[in-house]
Amino acid sequence: MADIRLQLVGLKEGDVRKLFGKPDTEELMERSQKIYIYFITPGPKCSPTPATQPGKKEALAIRLDALGNVREANVFVE
């Protein structure tokens, strides 16, 4: 996952949407920056099923600058 994360830096917003689709969550920041969050494991809005683990949640957060370029991508484990 770390290799993929590093390859995302420098991509355009449209390329990210083509790869991952619509983000699960989108945060708007100051200076027109955005953070797209994609849940790797089922997110908090998903109904629990026996196959999902209730504890560990992973998400990919992609920060875009005002021009729509990816500036950083991080994987968070909660």
Protein backbone atom coordinates (compact mmCIF):
# COMPACT_ATOMS: atom_id res chain seq x y z
CA MET A 1 0.00 0.00 0.00
CA ALA A 2 2.93 2.35 0.65
CA ASP A 3 4.12 2.03 -2.96
CA ILE A 4 0.68 2.90 -4.31
CA ARG A 5 0.39 5.80 -1.88
CA LEU A 6 3.61 7.34 -3.18
CA GLN A 7 2.51 6.93 -6.82
CA LEU A 8 -0.61 9.02 -6.16
CA VAL A 9 1.36 12.19 -5.41
CA GLY A 10 1.26 14.50 -8.42
CA LEU A 11 -1.88 13.03 -10.02
CA LYS A 12 -4.81 15.25 -10.96
CA GLU A 13 -8.20 15.15 -9.23
CA GLY A 14 -9.85 13.56 -12.28
CA ASP A 15 -7.28 10.76 -12.31
CA VAL A 16 -7.98 10.00 -8.65
CA ARG A 17 -11.72 9.85 -9.31
CA LYS A 18 -11.14 7.50 -12.27
CA LEU A 19 -9.06 5.18 -10.07
CA PHE A 20 -11.16 5.16 -6.90
CA GLY A 21 -14.54 6.65 -7.87
CA LYS A 22 -16.48 9.08 -5.73
CA PRO A 23 -14.87 9.56 -2.30
CA ASP A 24 -16.63 8.11 0.74
CA THR A 25 -16.09 11.42 2.54
CA GLU A 26 -14.88 14.78 1.31
CA GLU A 27 -13.53 17.55 3.54
CA LEU A 28 -13.09 21.12 2.36
CA MET A 29 -10.20 23.07 3.84
CA GLU A 30 -9.10 26.69 3.64
CA ARG A 31 -7.57 27.97 0.40
CA SER A 32 -9.75 25.61 -1.66
CA GLN A 33 -7.86 22.49 -0.60
CA LYS A 34 -9.77 19.19 -0.32
CA ILE A 35 -9.27 15.89 1.41
CA TYR A 36 -10.81 12.80 -0.16
CA ILE A 37 -11.28 9.85 2.18
CA TYR A 38 -11.73 6.34 0.83
CA PHE A 39 -12.45 3.57 3.34
CA ILE A 40 -10.38 0.45 2.67
CA THR A 41 -12.34 -1.61 5.18
CA PRO A 42 -16.10 -1.04 5.62
CA GLY A 43 -16.66 2.48 6.92
CA PRO A 44 -18.79 3.75 9.80
CA LYS A 45 -21.90 4.09 7.59
CA CYS A 46 -21.84 0.42 6.56
CA SER A 47 -24.01 -2.01 8.45
CA PRO A 48 -21.98 -4.61 10.34
CA THR A 49 -21.89 -8.12 8.90
CA PRO A 50 -20.34 -11.29 10.32
CA ALA A 51 -17.51 -11.05 7.77
CA THR A 52 -16.39 -7.58 8.94
CA GLN A 53 -14.23 -7.02 11.96
CA PRO A 54 -15.82 -4.45 14.27
CA GLY A 55 -12.51 -3.05 15.53
CA LYS A 56 -9.96 -2.24 12.84
CA LYS A 57 -10.81 0.46 10.28
CA GLU A 58 -8.49 1.55 7.48
CA ALA A 59 -8.88 4.60 5.27
CA LEU A 60 -6.92 6.30 2.50
CA ALA A 61 -6.82 10.11 2.81
CA ILE A 62 -5.77 12.07 -0.27
CA ARG A 63 -5.08 15.82 0.06
CA LEU A 64 -5.59 17.93 -3.07
CA ASP A 65 -4.36 21.49 -3.52
CA ALA A 66 -6.40 24.34 -5.03
CA LEU A 67 -5.29 23.36 -8.55
CA GLY A 68 -6.53 19.78 -8.14
CA ASN A 69 -3.11 18.14 -7.76
CA VAL A 70 -2.50 15.42 -5.16
CA ARG A 71 -0.10 16.78 -2.55
CA GLU A 72 -0.11 13.86 -0.11
CA ALA A 73 -1.75 10.50 0.45
CA ASN A 74 -1.86 8.69 3.78
CA VAL A 75 -3.29 5.44 5.09
CA PHE A 76 -4.90 5.69 8.52
CA VAL A 77 -5.66 2.76 10.81
CA GLU A 78 -8.15 3.33 13.59
